[in-house]
Amino acid sequence: MAIYINTNQNVQINFEISSIGDRLLAYLIDALVIGGIAIGVLFIGAATEFALGMFLMFIPIFFYHLICELFMNGQSVGKRSRGIRVMKKDGNPASFSSYFLRFLLRPIDSFYGLGLAVIFFTNNNQRLGDLAAGTVVVNIKSEDDLKQQIRQEMNINPHEGIKYPEVAQLTEKDIEIIRTILHNRVESKEHHVVHELAKKIAEKINVEYDKDWAYYFLQRLVQDNYKTHMEE
């Protein structure tokens, strides 16, 4: 089970939805971490006033998941150990409101295993908190792995500089059109559509290009667009 997301560079990234098993293991690990925090705070509380100790214990336990997801990019200790994290269904990082909605509905999800039951009946293994927040929990790769995946698809040399900084003037729609034409004309690089598009784009951003290499000019623009967004 997976979701497919188009990045700002118009490259499709495949994120595998985390399994129920991984989520359960992450939950158990987090429970152990919370238990450890509670024991540590109790020792602190014993050396101070009891009421203060109980208050100190309440904060990290009650807000554990919200604090972790906010400051660990959608992960808790358990999620990080299992290589999973929370993200929006459209591929963007979850916002504070998304994390807060998940946090508010966590007690309901925990009520008699309701959240686990809902996960079984949703396409993307979402609990009630995920459905309300528009989030999913996915298996992730490191940022380096994701960048490498994009470079391979676009045949990008990471050590090559930006040739056309004017590409910043193009919109995401412009880049998407260029990528579509390049994909459709990979076997006919001299097609008139390629030349017409290259001419219009060159005029739009006011650059000179070799008319005999229109296809490669467009390809370089896509690569420079990638570098502008991902390598800065």
Protein backbone atom coordinates (compact mmCIF):
# COMPACT_ATOMS: atom_id res chain seq x y z
CA MET A 1 0.00 0.00 0.00
CA ALA A 2 1.46 3.35 -1.03
CA ILE A 3 0.65 6.95 -1.84
CA TYR A 4 2.15 8.82 -4.78
CA ILE A 5 3.12 12.45 -4.35
CA ASN A 6 4.38 15.02 -6.85
CA THR A 7 7.11 17.17 -5.35
CA ASN A 8 7.68 20.87 -6.11
CA GLN A 9 10.13 19.64 -8.74
CA ASN A 10 7.29 17.69 -10.44
CA VAL A 11 8.90 14.38 -9.60
CA GLN A 12 6.68 11.61 -8.33
CA ILE A 13 7.79 10.11 -5.01
CA ASN A 14 6.37 6.86 -3.73
CA PHE A 15 5.75 6.68 0.02
CA GLU A 16 4.78 3.31 1.43
CA ILE A 17 2.05 3.48 4.08
CA SER A 18 3.38 2.15 7.37
CA SER A 19 2.07 -1.23 8.45
CA ILE A 20 -0.16 -1.74 11.46
CA GLY A 21 2.64 -3.83 12.96
CA ASP A 22 5.15 -0.97 12.73
CA ARG A 23 2.68 1.43 14.29
CA LEU A 24 1.98 -0.95 17.16
CA LEU A 25 5.68 -1.50 17.80
CA ALA A 26 6.27 2.26 17.72
CA TYR A 27 3.40 2.71 20.20
CA LEU A 28 4.90 0.11 22.57
CA ILE A 29 8.34 1.73 22.38
CA ASP A 30 6.79 5.11 23.13
CA ALA A 31 4.95 3.58 26.08
CA LEU A 32 8.28 2.38 27.46
CA VAL A 33 9.80 5.82 26.94
CA ILE A 34 6.86 7.46 28.72
CA GLY A 35 7.23 4.95 31.55
CA GLY A 36 10.91 5.81 31.84
CA ILE A 37 10.08 9.51 31.94
CA ALA A 38 7.51 8.90 34.68
CA ILE A 39 9.99 6.99 36.82
CA GLY A 40 12.63 9.68 36.37
CA VAL A 41 10.21 12.46 37.25
CA LEU A 42 9.01 10.56 40.33
CA PHE A 43 12.58 10.52 41.62
CA ILE A 44 12.76 14.25 41.02
CA GLY A 45 9.40 14.69 42.71
CA ALA A 46 10.59 12.76 45.75
CA ALA A 47 13.32 15.33 46.23
CA THR A 48 10.86 18.20 45.92
CA GLU A 49 7.27 18.80 46.90
CA PHE A 50 4.97 15.94 45.90
CA ALA A 51 2.51 18.20 44.09
CA LEU A 52 5.30 19.75 42.05
CA GLY A 53 6.60 16.29 41.18
CA MET A 54 3.18 15.15 39.97
CA PHE A 55 2.84 18.30 37.87
CA LEU A 56 6.27 17.79 36.32
CA MET A 57 5.36 14.18 35.52
CA PHE A 58 2.03 15.15 33.96
CA ILE A 59 3.48 17.51 31.35
CA PRO A 60 5.89 15.16 29.51
CA ILE A 61 3.50 12.20 29.75
CA PHE A 62 0.34 13.98 28.62
CA PHE A 63 1.99 16.05 25.88
CA TYR A 64 4.64 13.48 24.87
CA HIS A 65 3.30 12.68 21.38
CA LEU A 66 2.45 16.29 20.53
CA ILE A 67 5.86 17.59 21.64
CA CYS A 68 7.72 14.83 19.82
CA GLU A 69 5.85 15.23 16.53
CA LEU A 70 6.27 19.01 16.61
CA PHE A 71 10.01 18.96 17.24
CA MET A 72 10.98 15.66 15.55
CA ASN A 73 9.41 16.27 12.13
CA GLY A 74 6.35 14.08 12.66
CA GLN A 75 8.13 11.39 14.64
CA SER A 76 8.24 10.16 18.20
CA VAL A 77 11.01 8.02 19.64
CA GLY A 78 9.03 4.92 18.72
CA LYS A 79 8.25 6.13 15.19
CA ARG A 80 11.86 7.08 14.57
CA SER A 81 13.02 3.63 15.69
CA ARG A 82 10.62 2.05 13.18
CA GLY A 83 11.47 4.49 10.36
CA ILE A 84 7.98 5.96 10.10
CA ARG A 85 6.58 9.46 10.45
CA VAL A 86 3.43 11.56 10.17
CA MET A 87 2.90 13.68 7.06
CA LYS A 88 0.03 15.29 5.18
CA LYS A 89 -1.66 13.18 2.51
CA ASP A 90 -0.44 15.63 -0.15
CA GLY A 91 3.19 15.03 0.85
CA ASN A 92 3.70 18.28 2.74
CA PRO A 93 4.94 18.31 6.33
CA ALA A 94 2.11 18.24 8.84
CA SER A 95 1.26 21.59 10.43
CA PHE A 96 0.78 22.41 14.09
CA SER A 97 -3.00 22.20 13.63
CA SER A 98 -2.65 18.70 12.17
CA TYR A 99 -0.48 17.48 15.03
CA PHE A 100 -2.85 19.13 17.54
CA LEU A 101 -5.92 17.44 16.02
CA ARG A 102 -4.18 14.06 16.22
CA PHE A 103 -3.28 14.86 19.83
CA LEU A 104 -6.86 15.83 20.76
CA LEU A 105 -8.33 12.66 19.26
CA ARG A 106 -5.69 10.31 20.67
CA PRO A 107 -7.75 9.58 23.85
CA ILE A 108 -10.74 8.63 21.69
CA ASP A 109 -8.54 6.46 19.46
CA SER A 110 -7.22 4.76 22.59
CA PHE A 111 -10.72 4.06 23.94
CA TYR A 112 -11.16 0.27 23.76
CA GLY A 113 -8.78 0.11 20.81
CA LEU A 114 -11.09 2.23 18.64
CA GLY A 115 -8.16 3.74 16.74
CA LEU A 116 -6.79 0.30 15.89
CA ALA A 117 -10.20 -0.82 14.67
CA VAL A 118 -10.52 2.24 12.44
CA ILE A 119 -7.04 1.61 10.99
CA PHE A 120 -8.19 -1.82 9.81
CA PHE A 121 -11.07 -0.29 7.83
CA THR A 122 -9.34 2.66 6.16
CA ASN A 123 -7.39 2.49 2.91
CA ASN A 124 -4.31 4.25 4.24
CA ASN A 125 -4.19 2.76 7.75
CA GLN A 126 -5.49 5.98 9.28
CA ARG A 127 -6.87 6.31 12.79
CA LEU A 128 -9.55 8.88 13.67
CA GLY A 129 -6.89 11.49 14.43
CA ASP A 130 -5.35 10.98 10.99
CA LEU A 131 -8.71 11.22 9.23
CA ALA A 132 -9.53 14.47 11.01
CA ALA A 133 -6.08 15.98 10.43
CA GLY A 134 -5.67 14.76 6.85
CA THR A 135 -2.48 12.91 7.74
CA VAL A 136 -0.96 9.52 7.07
CA VAL A 137 1.88 7.60 8.70
CA VAL A 138 4.44 6.51 6.12
CA ASN A 139 7.69 4.60 5.91
CA ILE A 140 10.42 7.08 5.07
CA LYS A 141 13.81 7.22 3.45
CA SER A 142 16.51 9.62 4.49
CA GLU A 143 16.59 12.99 2.73
CA ASP A 144 19.74 11.88 0.91
CA ASP A 145 17.94 8.79 -0.40
CA LEU A 146 15.02 10.89 -1.63
CA LYS A 147 17.33 13.35 -3.37
CA GLN A 148 19.22 10.49 -4.96
CA GLN A 149 15.93 9.03 -6.23
CA ILE A 150 15.04 12.37 -7.84
CA ARG A 151 18.53 12.81 -9.34
CA GLN A 152 18.41 9.36 -10.91
CA GLU A 153 15.01 9.94 -12.46
CA MET A 154 16.05 13.31 -13.86
CA ASN A 155 19.61 12.26 -14.74
CA ILE A 156 21.06 15.10 -12.68
CA ASN A 157 24.72 15.54 -11.86
CA PRO A 158 24.75 16.89 -8.26
CA HIS A 159 28.17 18.47 -8.84
CA GLU A 160 27.09 20.50 -11.87
CA GLY A 161 26.11 24.13 -11.26
CA ILE A 162 23.00 25.98 -12.38
CA LYS A 163 23.36 27.12 -15.98
CA TYR A 164 20.10 29.06 -16.28
CA PRO A 165 19.32 30.90 -13.01
CA GLU A 166 16.52 32.59 -14.97
CA VAL A 167 14.57 29.35 -14.51
CA ALA A 168 13.33 30.89 -11.24
CA GLN A 169 10.98 33.00 -13.38
CA LEU A 170 9.09 29.89 -14.49
CA THR A 171 6.03 28.63 -12.65
CA GLU A 172 5.46 25.07 -11.50
CA LYS A 173 2.94 24.74 -14.33
CA ASP A 174 5.62 25.78 -16.85
CA ILE A 175 8.00 23.12 -15.51
CA GLU A 176 5.26 20.49 -15.57
CA ILE A 177 4.54 21.27 -19.23
CA ILE A 178 8.24 21.02 -20.09
CA ARG A 179 8.55 17.68 -18.30
CA THR A 180 5.49 16.33 -20.11
CA ILE A 181 6.87 17.32 -23.50
CA LEU A 182 10.28 15.85 -22.69
CA HIS A 183 8.67 12.59 -21.60
CA ASN A 184 6.42 12.36 -24.68
CA ARG A 185 9.17 13.27 -27.13
CA VAL A 186 12.08 11.28 -25.74
CA GLU A 187 12.20 9.25 -28.98
CA SER A 188 11.73 12.27 -31.26
CA LYS A 189 13.87 15.03 -29.83
CA GLU A 190 13.68 17.09 -33.04
CA HIS A 191 9.87 17.27 -33.04
CA HIS A 192 8.47 20.72 -33.88
CA VAL A 193 6.60 20.85 -30.56
CA VAL A 194 9.94 20.65 -28.74
CA HIS A 195 11.37 23.53 -30.79
CA GLU A 196 8.26 25.68 -30.37
CA LEU A 197 8.20 25.18 -26.61
CA ALA A 198 11.94 25.86 -26.28
CA LYS A 199 11.53 29.09 -28.25
CA LYS A 200 8.61 30.31 -26.11
CA ILE A 201 10.36 29.46 -22.86
CA ALA A 202 13.61 31.12 -23.95
CA GLU A 203 11.69 34.28 -24.85
CA LYS A 204 9.82 34.22 -21.56
CA ILE A 205 12.97 34.14 -19.43
CA ASN A 206 15.05 36.13 -21.95
CA VAL A 207 17.93 33.70 -22.53
CA GLU A 208 19.81 32.49 -25.59
CA TYR A 209 19.98 28.80 -26.42
CA ASP A 210 21.35 26.63 -29.20
CA LYS A 211 18.35 25.97 -31.49
CA ASP A 212 19.92 22.70 -32.62
CA TRP A 213 19.74 21.44 -29.04
CA ALA A 214 16.21 22.49 -28.08
CA TYR A 215 15.41 19.22 -26.29
CA TYR A 216 18.54 19.41 -24.15
CA PHE A 217 17.88 23.09 -23.40
CA LEU A 218 14.49 22.15 -21.95
CA GLN A 219 16.00 19.25 -20.07
CA ARG A 220 18.60 21.55 -18.54
CA LEU A 221 15.87 23.95 -17.41
CA VAL A 222 14.13 21.14 -15.54
CA GLN A 223 17.42 20.17 -13.91
CA ASP A 224 18.19 23.77 -12.95
CA ASN A 225 14.70 24.10 -11.49
CA TYR A 226 15.41 21.07 -9.35
CA LYS A 227 18.72 22.50 -8.18
CA THR A 228 17.13 25.88 -7.42
CA HIS A 229 14.68 24.25 -5.03
CA MET A 230 16.61 21.31 -3.62
CA GLU A 231 20.25 22.32 -3.54
CA GLU A 232 20.02 25.83 -2.12
